[in-house]
Protein backbone atom coordinates (compact mmCIF):
# COMPACT_ATOMS: atom_id res chain seq x y z
CA UNK A 1 0.00 0.00 0.00
CA UNK A 2 1.22 3.50 -0.84
CA UNK A 3 0.78 6.20 1.81
CA UNK A 4 1.30 9.95 1.43
CA UNK A 5 1.44 12.67 4.07
CA UNK A 6 2.60 16.22 4.60
CA UNK A 7 4.64 17.88 7.34
CA UNK A 8 5.88 21.43 7.87
CA UNK A 9 9.51 22.54 7.88
CA UNK A 10 10.50 25.74 9.67
CA UNK A 11 11.57 28.48 7.21
CA UNK A 12 15.29 28.51 6.48
CA UNK A 13 15.79 24.86 7.49
CA UNK A 14 15.75 23.12 4.10
CA UNK A 15 19.52 22.65 3.89
CA UNK A 16 19.68 21.30 7.44
CA UNK A 17 16.76 18.94 6.83
CA UNK A 18 18.48 17.59 3.72
CA UNK A 19 21.82 17.25 5.56
CA UNK A 20 20.26 15.26 8.38
CA UNK A 21 18.54 12.93 5.95
CA UNK A 22 21.71 12.55 3.88
CA UNK A 23 23.27 11.27 7.12
CA UNK A 24 20.27 9.18 8.23
CA UNK A 25 21.18 6.79 11.02
CA UNK A 26 21.69 3.19 9.87
CA UNK A 27 19.62 1.91 12.81
CA UNK A 28 16.70 4.07 11.69
CA UNK A 29 16.95 2.69 8.15
CA UNK A 30 16.88 -0.85 9.58
CA UNK A 31 13.82 -0.01 11.71
CA UNK A 32 11.93 1.46 8.75
CA UNK A 33 12.76 -1.47 6.48
CA UNK A 34 11.93 -4.13 9.09
CA UNK A 35 8.60 -2.35 9.62
CA UNK A 36 7.89 -3.02 5.94
CA UNK A 37 8.55 0.46 4.55
CA UNK A 38 10.05 0.78 1.07
CA UNK A 39 10.26 3.35 -1.71
CA UNK A 40 10.17 6.19 0.83
CA UNK A 41 10.59 9.71 -0.56
CA UNK A 42 10.15 13.16 0.95
CA UNK A 43 9.68 16.22 -1.26
CA UNK A 44 9.88 19.89 -0.28
CA UNK A 45 7.77 22.76 -1.58
CA UNK A 46 10.20 25.66 -1.05
CA UNK A 47 7.44 28.27 -1.36
CA UNK A 48 5.35 26.90 1.53
CA UNK A 49 7.95 24.89 3.51
CA UNK A 50 5.64 21.88 3.23
CA UNK A 51 7.22 18.44 3.13
CA UNK A 52 5.39 15.72 1.20
CA UNK A 53 6.21 12.13 2.07
CA UNK A 54 5.30 9.07 0.03
CA UNK A 55 6.08 5.50 1.04
CA UNK A 56 5.06 1.95 0.39
CA UNK A 57 4.31 -0.35 3.31
CA UNK A 58 3.33 -4.00 3.46
CA UNK A 59 0.94 -3.52 6.40
CA UNK A 60 -0.18 0.05 7.21
CA UNK A 61 -0.99 -1.02 10.79
CA UNK A 62 2.75 -1.59 11.30
CA UNK A 63 3.23 2.19 11.26
CA UNK A 64 1.50 2.26 14.65
CA UNK A 65 4.48 0.42 16.16
CA UNK A 66 7.06 3.06 15.21
CA UNK A 67 6.35 5.57 18.01
CA UNK A 68 7.28 2.95 20.61
CA UNK A 69 10.78 2.39 19.25
CA UNK A 70 13.59 4.30 21.03
CA UNK A 71 15.42 5.02 17.76
CA UNK A 72 12.25 6.62 16.33
CA UNK A 73 11.80 8.72 19.47
CA UNK A 74 15.46 9.78 19.32
CA UNK A 75 15.09 10.78 15.64
CA UNK A 76 12.02 12.86 16.43
CA UNK A 77 13.88 14.65 19.22
CA UNK A 78 16.78 15.25 16.83
CA UNK A 79 14.44 16.77 14.21
CA UNK A 80 12.10 18.82 16.41
CA UNK A 81 14.13 22.03 16.20
CA UNK A 82 13.68 22.33 12.43
CA UNK A 83 10.07 21.26 11.89
CA UNK A 84 6.57 21.43 13.37
CA UNK A 85 6.19 18.77 16.08
CA UNK A 86 3.75 17.60 18.73
CA UNK A 87 4.35 17.47 22.48
CA UNK A 88 5.91 13.99 22.13
CA UNK A 89 8.35 15.40 19.51
CA UNK A 90 6.66 13.46 16.67
CA UNK A 91 6.23 15.52 13.51
CA UNK A 92 2.87 17.09 12.86
CA UNK A 93 1.81 14.91 9.95
CA UNK A 94 -1.36 15.12 7.88
CA UNK A 95 -2.42 12.11 5.79
CA UNK A 96 -3.08 12.86 2.13
CA UNK A 97 -5.77 11.22 0.04
CA UNK A 98 -4.68 9.75 -3.27
CA UNK A 99 -6.77 11.14 -6.13
CA UNK A 100 -4.75 9.89 -9.10
CA UNK A 101 -2.15 7.20 -9.76
CA UNK A 102 -0.53 6.15 -13.01
CA UNK A 103 1.38 2.89 -12.46
PDB file of N, CA and C in Angstrom:
ATOM      1  N   UNK A   1       0.846  -1.181   0.000  1.00  0.00           N
ATOM      2  CA  UNK A   1       0.000   0.000   0.000  1.00  0.00           C
ATOM      3  C   UNK A   1       0.892   1.245   0.000  1.00  0.00           C
ATOM      4  N   UNK A   2       0.505   2.235  -0.786  1.00  0.00           N
ATOM      5  CA  UNK A   2       1.225   3.502  -0.842  1.00  0.00           C
ATOM      6  C   UNK A   2       0.521   4.499   0.077  1.00  0.00           C
ATOM      7  N   UNK A   3       1.307   5.211   0.867  1.00  0.00           N
ATOM      8  CA  UNK A   3       0.780   6.202   1.809  1.00  0.00           C
ATOM      9  C   UNK A   3       1.488   7.525   1.547  1.00  0.00           C
ATOM     10  N   UNK A   4       0.732   8.612   1.598  1.00  0.00           N
ATOM     11  CA  UNK A   4       1.303   9.950   1.426  1.00  0.00           C
ATOM     12  C   UNK A   4       0.867  10.827   2.597  1.00  0.00           C
ATOM     13  N   UNK A   5       1.717  11.777   2.949  1.00  0.00           N
ATOM     14  CA  UNK A   5       1.435  12.666   4.069  1.00  0.00           C
ATOM     15  C   UNK A   5       2.224  13.951   3.883  1.00  0.00           C
ATOM     16  N   UNK A   6       1.846  14.972   4.642  1.00  0.00           N
ATOM     17  CA  UNK A   6       2.604  16.219   4.604  1.00  0.00           C
ATOM     18  C   UNK A   6       3.011  16.617   6.015  1.00  0.00           C
ATOM     19  N   UNK A   7       4.107  17.349   6.087  1.00  0.00           N
ATOM     20  CA  UNK A   7       4.638  17.885   7.335  1.00  0.00           C
ATOM     21  C   UNK A   7       5.090  19.311   7.040  1.00  0.00           C
ATOM     22  N   UNK A   8       5.474  20.045   8.067  1.00  0.00           N
ATOM     23  CA  UNK A   8       5.882  21.432   7.868  1.00  0.00           C
ATOM     24  C   UNK A   8       7.291  21.658   8.401  1.00  0.00           C
ATOM     25  N   UNK A   9       8.139  22.208   7.534  1.00  0.00           N
ATOM     26  CA  UNK A   9       9.515  22.538   7.881  1.00  0.00           C
ATOM     27  C   UNK A   9       9.579  24.012   8.256  1.00  0.00           C
ATOM     28  N   UNK A  10      10.326  24.335   9.305  1.00  0.00           N
ATOM     29  CA  UNK A  10      10.498  25.744   9.668  1.00  0.00           C
ATOM     30  C   UNK A  10      11.259  26.465   8.552  1.00  0.00           C
ATOM     31  N   UNK A  11      10.877  27.719   8.257  1.00  0.00           N
ATOM     32  CA  UNK A  11      11.573  28.483   7.212  1.00  0.00           C
ATOM     33  C   UNK A  11      13.083  28.527   7.469  1.00  0.00           C
ATOM     34  N   UNK A  12      13.838  28.421   6.395  1.00  0.00           N
ATOM     35  CA  UNK A  12      15.288  28.505   6.480  1.00  0.00           C
ATOM     36  C   UNK A  12      15.976  27.215   6.894  1.00  0.00           C
ATOM     37  N   UNK A  13      15.219  26.114   7.014  1.00  0.00           N
ATOM     38  CA  UNK A  13      15.794  24.858   7.495  1.00  0.00           C
ATOM     39  C   UNK A  13      15.934  23.780   6.419  1.00  0.00           C
ATOM     40  N   UNK A  14      15.707  24.133   5.163  1.00  0.00           N
ATOM     41  CA  UNK A  14      15.752  23.123   4.100  1.00  0.00           C
ATOM     42  C   UNK A  14      17.115  22.453   3.988  1.00  0.00           C
ATOM     43  N   UNK A  15      18.178  23.222   4.022  1.00  0.00           N
ATOM     44  CA  UNK A  15      19.522  22.650   3.892  1.00  0.00           C
ATOM     45  C   UNK A  15      19.824  21.732   5.072  1.00  0.00           C
ATOM     46  N   UNK A  16      19.436  22.129   6.257  1.00  0.00           N
ATOM     47  CA  UNK A  16      19.685  21.297   7.438  1.00  0.00           C
ATOM     48  C   UNK A  16      18.851  20.027   7.398  1.00  0.00           C
ATOM     49  N   UNK A  17      17.620  20.128   6.956  1.00  0.00           N
ATOM     50  CA  UNK A  17      16.765  18.944   6.832  1.00  0.00           C
ATOM     51  C   UNK A  17      17.384  17.948   5.854  1.00  0.00           C
ATOM     52  N   UNK A  18      17.844  18.447   4.732  1.00  0.00           N
ATOM     53  CA  UNK A  18      18.475  17.591   3.723  1.00  0.00           C
ATOM     54  C   UNK A  18      19.750  16.963   4.295  1.00  0.00           C
ATOM     55  N   UNK A  19      20.573  17.763   4.990  1.00  0.00           N
ATOM     56  CA  UNK A  19      21.820  17.251   5.557  1.00  0.00           C
ATOM     57  C   UNK A  19      21.551  16.108   6.530  1.00  0.00           C
ATOM     58  N   UNK A  20      20.565  16.300   7.401  1.00  0.00           N
ATOM     59  CA  UNK A  20      20.257  15.262   8.383  1.00  0.00           C
ATOM     60  C   UNK A  20      19.765  13.986   7.707  1.00  0.00           C
ATOM     61  N   UNK A  21      19.008  14.130   6.651  1.00  0.00           N
ATOM     62  CA  UNK A  21      18.539  12.932   5.948  1.00  0.00           C
ATOM     63  C   UNK A  21      19.635  12.304   5.082  1.00  0.00           C
ATOM     64  N   UNK A  22      20.571  13.113   4.598  1.00  0.00           N
ATOM     65  CA  UNK A  22      21.714  12.549   3.885  1.00  0.00           C
ATOM     66  C   UNK A  22      22.565  11.686   4.820  1.00  0.00           C
ATOM     67  N   UNK A  23      22.503  11.996   6.111  1.00  0.00           N
ATOM     68  CA  UNK A  23      23.266  11.272   7.124  1.00  0.00           C
ATOM     69  C   UNK A  23      22.358  10.413   8.005  1.00  0.00           C
ATOM     70  N   UNK A  24      21.243   9.944   7.450  1.00  0.00           N
ATOM     71  CA  UNK A  24      20.269   9.181   8.234  1.00  0.00           C
ATOM     72  C   UNK A  24      20.965   8.034   8.961  1.00  0.00           C
ATOM     73  N   UNK A  25      20.552   7.798  10.179  1.00  0.00           N
ATOM     74  CA  UNK A  25      21.182   6.786  11.019  1.00  0.00           C
ATOM     75  C   UNK A  25      20.894   5.394  10.472  1.00  0.00           C
ATOM     76  N   UNK A  26      21.898   4.553  10.374  1.00  0.00           N
ATOM     77  CA  UNK A  26      21.686   3.185   9.870  1.00  0.00           C
ATOM     78  C   UNK A  26      20.645   2.412  10.687  1.00  0.00           C
ATOM     79  N   UNK A  27      20.605   2.624  11.988  1.00  0.00           N
ATOM     80  CA  UNK A  27      19.623   1.908  12.812  1.00  0.00           C
ATOM     81  C   UNK A  27      18.195   2.362  12.518  1.00  0.00           C
ATOM     82  N   UNK A  28      18.027   3.607  12.080  1.00  0.00           N
ATOM     83  CA  UNK A  28      16.700   4.073  11.687  1.00  0.00           C
ATOM     84  C   UNK A  28      16.297   3.439  10.359  1.00  0.00           C
ATOM     85  N   UNK A  29      17.229   3.344   9.428  1.00  0.00           N
ATOM     86  CA  UNK A  29      16.947   2.690   8.152  1.00  0.00           C
ATOM     87  C   UNK A  29      16.521   1.243   8.394  1.00  0.00           C
ATOM     88  N   UNK A  30      17.231   0.539   9.267  1.00  0.00           N
ATOM     89  CA  UNK A  30      16.884  -0.850   9.581  1.00  0.00           C
ATOM     90  C   UNK A  30      15.478  -0.916  10.164  1.00  0.00           C
ATOM     91  N   UNK A  31      15.154  -0.021  11.102  1.00  0.00           N
ATOM     92  CA  UNK A  31      13.822  -0.006  11.706  1.00  0.00           C
ATOM     93  C   UNK A  31      12.744   0.203  10.643  1.00  0.00           C
ATOM     94  N   UNK A  32      12.932   1.174   9.781  1.00  0.00           N
ATOM     95  CA  UNK A  32      11.928   1.456   8.749  1.00  0.00           C
ATOM     96  C   UNK A  32      11.747   0.262   7.823  1.00  0.00           C
ATOM     97  N   UNK A  33      12.850  -0.334   7.402  1.00  0.00           N
ATOM     98  CA  UNK A  33      12.760  -1.474   6.481  1.00  0.00           C
ATOM     99  C   UNK A  33      12.149  -2.699   7.151  1.00  0.00           C
ATOM    100  N   UNK A  34      12.502  -2.958   8.406  1.00  0.00           N
ATOM    101  CA  UNK A  34      11.926  -4.125   9.090  1.00  0.00           C
ATOM    102  C   UNK A  34      10.453  -3.905   9.427  1.00  0.00           C
ATOM    103  N   UNK A  35      10.017  -2.659   9.432  1.00  0.00           N
ATOM    104  CA  UNK A  35       8.602  -2.350   9.618  1.00  0.00           C
ATOM    105  C   UNK A  35       7.824  -2.588   8.328  1.00  0.00           C
ATOM    106  N   UNK A  36       8.538  -2.751   7.218  1.00  0.00           N
ATOM    107  CA  UNK A  36       7.890  -3.021   5.939  1.00  0.00           C
ATOM    108  C   UNK A  36       7.824  -1.819   5.022  1.00  0.00           C
ATOM    109  N   UNK A  37       8.556  -0.759   5.353  1.00  0.00           N
ATOM    110  CA  UNK A  37       8.553   0.459   4.551  1.00  0.00           C
ATOM    111  C   UNK A  37       9.576   0.342   3.422  1.00  0.00           C
ATOM    112  N   UNK A  38       9.147   0.744   2.224  1.00  0.00           N
ATOM    113  CA  UNK A  38      10.045   0.775   1.069  1.00  0.00           C
ATOM    114  C   UNK A  38       9.658   1.952   0.177  1.00  0.00           C
ATOM    115  N   UNK A  39      10.515   2.251  -0.767  1.00  0.00           N
ATOM    116  CA  UNK A  39      10.259   3.352  -1.711  1.00  0.00           C
ATOM    117  C   UNK A  39       9.781   4.612  -0.999  1.00  0.00           C
ATOM    118  N   UNK A  40      10.528   5.047  -0.003  1.00  0.00           N
ATOM    119  CA  UNK A  40      10.168   6.191   0.834  1.00  0.00           C
ATOM    120  C   UNK A  40      10.859   7.434   0.293  1.00  0.00           C
ATOM    121  N   UNK A  41      10.073   8.433  -0.072  1.00  0.00           N
ATOM    122  CA  UNK A  41      10.594   9.707  -0.563  1.00  0.00           C
ATOM    123  C   UNK A  41       9.933  10.847   0.202  1.00  0.00           C
ATOM    124  N   UNK A  42      10.691  11.927   0.367  1.00  0.00           N
ATOM    125  CA  UNK A  42      10.148  13.156   0.946  1.00  0.00           C
ATOM    126  C   UNK A  42      10.506  14.288  -0.005  1.00  0.00           C
ATOM    127  N   UNK A  43       9.507  15.092  -0.363  1.00  0.00           N
ATOM    128  CA  UNK A  43       9.680  16.219  -1.265  1.00  0.00           C
ATOM    129  C   UNK A  43       9.410  17.504  -0.500  1.00  0.00           C
ATOM    130  N   UNK A  44      10.055  18.593  -0.916  1.00  0.00           N
ATOM    131  CA  UNK A  44       9.879  19.893  -0.278  1.00  0.00           C
ATOM    132  C   UNK A  44       9.308  20.895  -1.264  1.00  0.00           C
ATOM    133  N   UNK A  45       8.269  21.611  -0.840  1.00  0.00           N
ATOM    134  CA  UNK A  45       7.770  22.761  -1.580  1.00  0.00           C
ATOM    135  C   UNK A  45       8.427  23.979  -0.941  1.00  0.00           C
ATOM    136  N   UNK A  46       9.441  24.528  -1.599  1.00  0.00           N
ATOM    137  CA  UNK A  46      10.200  25.659  -1.050  1.00  0.00           C
ATOM    138  C   UNK A  46       9.336  26.880  -0.759  1.00  0.00           C
ATOM    139  N   UNK A  47       8.263  27.061  -1.521  1.00  0.00           N
ATOM    140  CA  UNK A  47       7.445  28.266  -1.359  1.00  0.00           C
ATOM    141  C   UNK A  47       6.566  28.222  -0.108  1.00  0.00           C
ATOM    142  N   UNK A  48       6.227  27.017   0.361  1.00  0.00           N
ATOM    143  CA  UNK A  48       5.348  26.898   1.534  1.00  0.00           C
ATOM    144  C   UNK A  48       6.028  26.212   2.718  1.00  0.00           C
ATOM    145  N   UNK A  49       7.215  25.654   2.489  1.00  0.00           N
ATOM    146  CA  UNK A  49       7.952  24.887   3.506  1.00  0.00           C
ATOM    147  C   UNK A  49       7.241  23.590   3.867  1.00  0.00           C
ATOM    148  N   UNK A  50       6.345  23.143   2.999  1.00  0.00           N
ATOM    149  CA  UNK A  50       5.641  21.881   3.231  1.00  0.00           C
ATOM    150  C   UNK A  50       6.480  20.730   2.701  1.00  0.00           C
ATOM    151  N   UNK A  51       6.560  19.685   3.511  1.00  0.00           N
ATOM    152  CA  UNK A  51       7.218  18.443   3.126  1.00  0.00           C
ATOM    153  C   UNK A  51       6.139  17.447   2.742  1.00  0.00           C
ATOM    154  N   UNK A  52       6.347  16.727   1.661  1.00  0.00           N
ATOM    155  CA  UNK A  52       5.395  15.721   1.203  1.00  0.00           C
ATOM    156  C   UNK A  52       6.102  14.369   1.186  1.00  0.00           C
ATOM    157  N   UNK A  53       5.622  13.459   1.995  1.00  0.00           N
ATOM    158  CA  UNK A  53       6.212  12.132   2.066  1.00  0.00           C
ATOM    159  C   UNK A  53       5.340  11.109   1.362  1.00  0.00           C
ATOM    160  N   UNK A  54       5.986  10.170   0.697  1.00  0.00           N
ATOM    161  CA  UNK A  54       5.299   9.066   0.029  1.00  0.00           C
ATOM    162  C   UNK A  54       6.101   7.809   0.330  1.00  0.00           C
ATOM    163  N   UNK A  55       5.396   6.758   0.758  1.00  0.00           N
ATOM    164  CA  UNK A  55       6.079   5.503   1.043  1.00  0.00           C
ATOM    165  C   UNK A  55       5.176   4.331   0.725  1.00  0.00           C
ATOM    166  N   UNK A  56       5.791   3.206   0.528  1.00  0.00           N
ATOM    167  CA  UNK A  56       5.064   1.947   0.393  1.00  0.00           C
ATOM    168  C   UNK A  56       5.262   1.166   1.685  1.00  0.00           C
ATOM    169  N   UNK A  57       4.205   0.477   2.107  1.00  0.00           N
ATOM    170  CA  UNK A  57       4.306  -0.345   3.306  1.00  0.00           C
ATOM    171  C   UNK A  57       3.476  -1.607   3.113  1.00  0.00           C
ATOM    172  N   UNK A  58       4.021  -2.714   3.582  1.00  0.00           N
ATOM    173  CA  UNK A  58       3.331  -3.995   3.456  1.00  0.00           C
ATOM    174  C   UNK A  58       2.029  -3.996   4.252  1.00  0.00           C
ATOM    175  N   UNK A  59       2.092  -3.532   5.498  1.00  0.00           N
ATOM    176  CA  UNK A  59       0.936  -3.524   6.400  1.00  0.00           C
ATOM    177  C   UNK A  59       0.847  -2.153   7.057  1.00  0.00           C
ATOM    178  N   UNK A  60      -0.086  -1.301   6.650  1.00  0.00           N
ATOM    179  CA  UNK A  60      -0.180   0.046   7.214  1.00  0.00           C
ATOM    180  C   UNK A  60      -0.303   0.070   8.739  1.00  0.00           C
ATOM    181  N   UNK A  61      -0.871  -0.965   9.329  1.00  0.00           N
ATOM    182  CA  UNK A  61      -0.986  -1.016  10.791  1.00  0.00           C
ATOM    183  C   UNK A  61       0.380  -1.069  11.454  1.00  0.00           C
ATOM    184  N   UNK A  62       1.400  -1.521  10.734  1.00  0.00           N
ATOM    185  CA  UNK A  62       2.750  -1.591  11.296  1.00  0.00           C
ATOM    186  C   UNK A  62       3.304  -0.204  11.617  1.00  0.00           C
ATOM    187  N   UNK A  63       2.791   0.832  10.955  1.00  0.00           N
ATOM    188  CA  UNK A  63       3.232   2.192  11.257  1.00  0.00           C
ATOM    189  C   UNK A  63       2.923   2.569  12.701  1.00  0.00           C
ATOM    190  N   UNK A  64       1.885   1.968  13.265  1.00  0.00           N
ATOM    191  CA  UNK A  64       1.504   2.264  14.650  1.00  0.00           C
ATOM    192  C   UNK A  64       2.544   1.791  15.662  1.00  0.00           C
ATOM    193  N   UNK A  65       3.449   0.906  15.244  1.00  0.00           N
ATOM    194  CA  UNK A  65       4.481   0.415  16.165  1.00  0.00           C
ATOM    195  C   UNK A  65       5.680   1.357  16.249  1.00  0.00           C
ATOM    196  N   UNK A  66       5.864   2.208  15.253  1.00  0.00           N
ATOM    197  CA  UNK A  66       7.055   3.058  15.207  1.00  0.00           C
ATOM    198  C   UNK A  66       7.212   3.994  16.404  1.00  0.00           C
ATOM    199  N   UNK A  67       6.155   4.651  16.889  1.00  0.00           N
ATOM    200  CA  UNK A  67       6.346   5.568  18.010  1.00  0.00           C
ATOM    201  C   UNK A  67       6.916   4.920  19.274  1.00  0.00           C
ATOM    202  N   UNK A  68       6.776   3.626  19.427  1.00  0.00           N
ATOM    203  CA  UNK A  68       7.281   2.949  20.607  1.00  0.00           C
ATOM    204  C   UNK A  68       8.749   2.580  20.547  1.00  0.00           C
ATOM    205  N   UNK A  69       9.382   2.761  19.397  1.00  0.00           N
ATOM    206  CA  UNK A  69      10.785   2.388  19.250  1.00  0.00           C
ATOM    207  C   UNK A  69      11.700   3.533  19.693  1.00  0.00           C
ATOM    208  N   UNK A  70      12.672   3.246  20.553  1.00  0.00           N
ATOM    209  CA  UNK A  70      13.586   4.298  21.025  1.00  0.00           C
ATOM    210  C   UNK A  70      14.311   5.038  19.903  1.00  0.00           C
ATOM    211  N   UNK A  71      14.709   4.337  18.836  1.00  0.00           N
ATOM    212  CA  UNK A  71      15.416   5.023  17.756  1.00  0.00           C
ATOM    213  C   UNK A  71      14.490   6.020  17.055  1.00  0.00           C
ATOM    214  N   UNK A  72      13.214   5.698  16.938  1.00  0.00           N
ATOM    215  CA  UNK A  72      12.255   6.620  16.329  1.00  0.00           C
ATOM    216  C   UNK A  72      12.067   7.832  17.230  1.00  0.00           C
ATOM    217  N   UNK A  73      11.945   7.616  18.515  1.00  0.00           N
ATOM    218  CA  UNK A  73      11.802   8.715  19.465  1.00  0.00           C
ATOM    219  C   UNK A  73      13.041   9.615  19.454  1.00  0.00           C
ATOM    220  N   UNK A  74      14.208   9.004  19.366  1.00  0.00           N
ATOM    221  CA  UNK A  74      15.456   9.778  19.318  1.00  0.00           C
ATOM    222  C   UNK A  74      15.523  10.615  18.047  1.00  0.00           C
ATOM    223  N   UNK A  75      15.107  10.045  16.907  1.00  0.00           N
ATOM    224  CA  UNK A  75      15.093  10.782  15.643  1.00  0.00           C
ATOM    225  C   UNK A  75      14.147  11.972  15.738  1.00  0.00           C
ATOM    226  N   UNK A  76      12.976  11.750  16.298  1.00  0.00           N
ATOM    227  CA  UNK A  76      12.023  12.861  16.433  1.00  0.00           C
ATOM    228  C   UNK A  76      12.607  13.989  17.280  1.00  0.00           C
ATOM    229  N   UNK A  77      13.261  13.638  18.369  1.00  0.00           N
ATOM    230  CA  UNK A  77      13.882  14.652  19.224  1.00  0.00           C
ATOM    231  C   UNK A  77      14.961  15.400  18.448  1.00  0.00           C
ATOM    232  N   UNK A  78      15.717  14.674  17.657  1.00  0.00           N
ATOM    233  CA  UNK A  78      16.778  15.252  16.830  1.00  0.00           C
ATOM    234  C   UNK A  78      16.205  16.229  15.800  1.00  0.00           C
ATOM    235  N   UNK A  79      15.023  15.969  15.282  1.00  0.00           N
ATOM    236  CA  UNK A  79      14.438  16.769  14.210  1.00  0.00           C
ATOM    237  C   UNK A  79      13.532  17.900  14.695  1.00  0.00           C
ATOM    238  N   UNK A  80      13.142  17.895  15.957  1.00  0.00           N
ATOM    239  CA  UNK A  80      12.102  18.823  16.410  1.00  0.00           C
ATOM    240  C   UNK A  80      12.474  20.297  16.305  1.00  0.00           C
ATOM    241  N   UNK A  81      13.755  20.620  16.274  1.00  0.00           N
ATOM    242  CA  UNK A  81      14.134  22.032  16.204  1.00  0.00           C
ATOM    243  C   UNK A  81      13.981  22.627  14.807  1.00  0.00           C
ATOM    244  N   UNK A  82      13.757  21.788  13.804  1.00  0.00           N
ATOM    245  CA  UNK A  82      13.675  22.329  12.434  1.00  0.00           C
ATOM    246  C   UNK A  82      12.324  22.109  11.765  1.00  0.00           C
ATOM    247  N   UNK A  83      11.373  21.503  12.496  1.00  0.00           N
ATOM    248  CA  UNK A  83      10.067  21.262  11.887  1.00  0.00           C
ATOM    249  C   UNK A  83       8.952  21.315  12.925  1.00  0.00           C
ATOM    250  N   UNK A  84       7.725  21.409  12.470  1.00  0.00           N
ATOM    251  CA  UNK A  84       6.573  21.434  13.367  1.00  0.00           C
ATOM    252  C   UNK A  84       6.408  20.059  14.014  1.00  0.00           C
ATOM    253  N   UNK A  85       6.310  20.031  15.345  1.00  0.00           N
ATOM    254  CA  UNK A  85       6.189  18.774  16.083  1.00  0.00           C
ATOM    255  C   UNK A  85       5.101  18.871  17.141  1.00  0.00           C
ATOM    256  N   UNK A  86       4.719  17.704  17.636  1.00  0.00           N
ATOM    257  CA  UNK A  86       3.751  17.597  18.728  1.00  0.00           C
ATOM    258  C   UNK A  86       4.506  17.566  20.058  1.00  0.00           C
ATOM    259  N   UNK A  87       3.751  17.500  21.150  1.00  0.00           N
ATOM    260  CA  UNK A  87       4.347  17.471  22.482  1.00  0.00           C
ATOM    261  C   UNK A  87       5.285  16.286  22.690  1.00  0.00           C
ATOM    262  N   UNK A  88       5.048  15.165  21.989  1.00  0.00           N
ATOM    263  CA  UNK A  88       5.911  13.988  22.130  1.00  0.00           C
ATOM    264  C   UNK A  88       7.076  14.017  21.134  1.00  0.00           C
ATOM    265  N   UNK A  89       7.298  15.155  20.498  1.00  0.00           N
ATOM    266  CA  UNK A  89       8.349  15.400  19.506  1.00  0.00           C
ATOM    267  C   UNK A  89       8.074  14.770  18.142  1.00  0.00           C
ATOM    268  N   UNK A  90       6.983  14.016  17.983  1.00  0.00           N
ATOM    269  CA  UNK A  90       6.662  13.460  16.673  1.00  0.00           C
ATOM    270  C   UNK A  90       6.274  14.600  15.731  1.00  0.00           C
ATOM    271  N   UNK A  91       6.586  14.455  14.448  1.00  0.00           N
ATOM    272  CA  UNK A  91       6.232  15.521  13.514  1.00  0.00           C
ATOM    273  C   UNK A  91       4.717  15.650  13.354  1.00  0.00           C
ATOM    274  N   UNK A  92       4.267  16.875  13.213  1.00  0.00           N
ATOM    275  CA  UNK A  92       2.873  17.094  12.859  1.00  0.00           C
ATOM    276  C   UNK A  92       2.735  16.597  11.430  1.00  0.00           C
ATOM    277  N   UNK A  93       1.930  15.573  11.243  1.00  0.00           N
ATOM    278  CA  UNK A  93       1.810  14.908   9.952  1.00  0.00           C
ATOM    279  C   UNK A  93       0.335  14.790   9.586  1.00  0.00           C
ATOM    280  N   UNK A  94       0.011  15.182   8.362  1.00  0.00           N
ATOM    281  CA  UNK A  94      -1.359  15.123   7.875  1.00  0.00           C
ATOM    282  C   UNK A  94      -1.436  14.110   6.741  1.00  0.00           C
ATOM    283  N   UNK A  95      -2.273  13.076   6.884  1.00  0.00           N
ATOM    284  CA  UNK A  95      -2.420  12.113   5.788  1.00  0.00           C
ATOM    285  C   UNK A  95      -3.000  12.791   4.552  1.00  0.00           C
ATOM    286  N   UNK A  96      -2.568  12.347   3.391  1.00  0.00           N
ATOM    287  CA  UNK A  96      -3.078  12.861   2.133  1.00  0.00           C
ATOM    288  C   UNK A  96      -3.844  11.768   1.407  1.00  0.00           C
ATOM    289  N   UNK A  97      -4.920  12.157   0.772  1.00  0.00           N
ATOM    290  CA  UNK A  97      -5.766  11.221   0.037  1.00  0.00           C
ATOM    291  C   UNK A  97      -5.286  11.142  -1.408  1.00  0.00           C
ATOM    292  N   UNK A  98      -5.078   9.936  -1.884  1.00  0.00           N
ATOM    293  CA  UNK A  98      -4.685   9.751  -3.275  1.00  0.00           C
ATOM    294  C   UNK A  98      -5.891  10.001  -4.179  1.00  0.00           C
ATOM    295  N   UNK A  99      -5.689  10.850  -5.185  1.00  0.00           N
ATOM    296  CA  UNK A  99      -6.766  11.143  -6.131  1.00  0.00           C
ATOM    297  C   UNK A  99      -6.422  10.714  -7.559  1.00  0.00           C
ATOM    298  N   UNK A 100      -5.149  10.363  -7.789  1.00  0.00           N
ATOM    299  CA  UNK A 100      -4.750   9.893  -9.098  1.00  0.00           C
ATOM    300  C   UNK A 100      -3.470   9.098  -8.960  1.00  0.00           C
ATOM    301  N   UNK A 101      -3.364   8.020  -9.735  1.00  0.00           N
ATOM    302  CA  UNK A 101      -2.151   7.199  -9.763  1.00  0.00           C
ATOM    303  C   UNK A 101      -2.004   6.589 -11.141  1.00  0.00           C
ATOM    304  N   UNK A 102      -0.839   6.743 -11.731  1.00  0.00           N
ATOM    305  CA  UNK A 102      -0.527   6.151 -13.013  1.00  0.00           C
ATOM    306  C   UNK A 102       0.612   5.152 -12.784  1.00  0.00           C
ATOM    307  N   UNK A 103       0.298   3.871 -12.719  1.00  0.00           N
ATOM    308  CA  UNK A 103       1.379   2.895 -12.461  1.00  0.00           C
ATOM    309  C   UNK A 103       2.303   2.713 -13.649  1.00  0.00           C
TER     310      UNK A 103
END
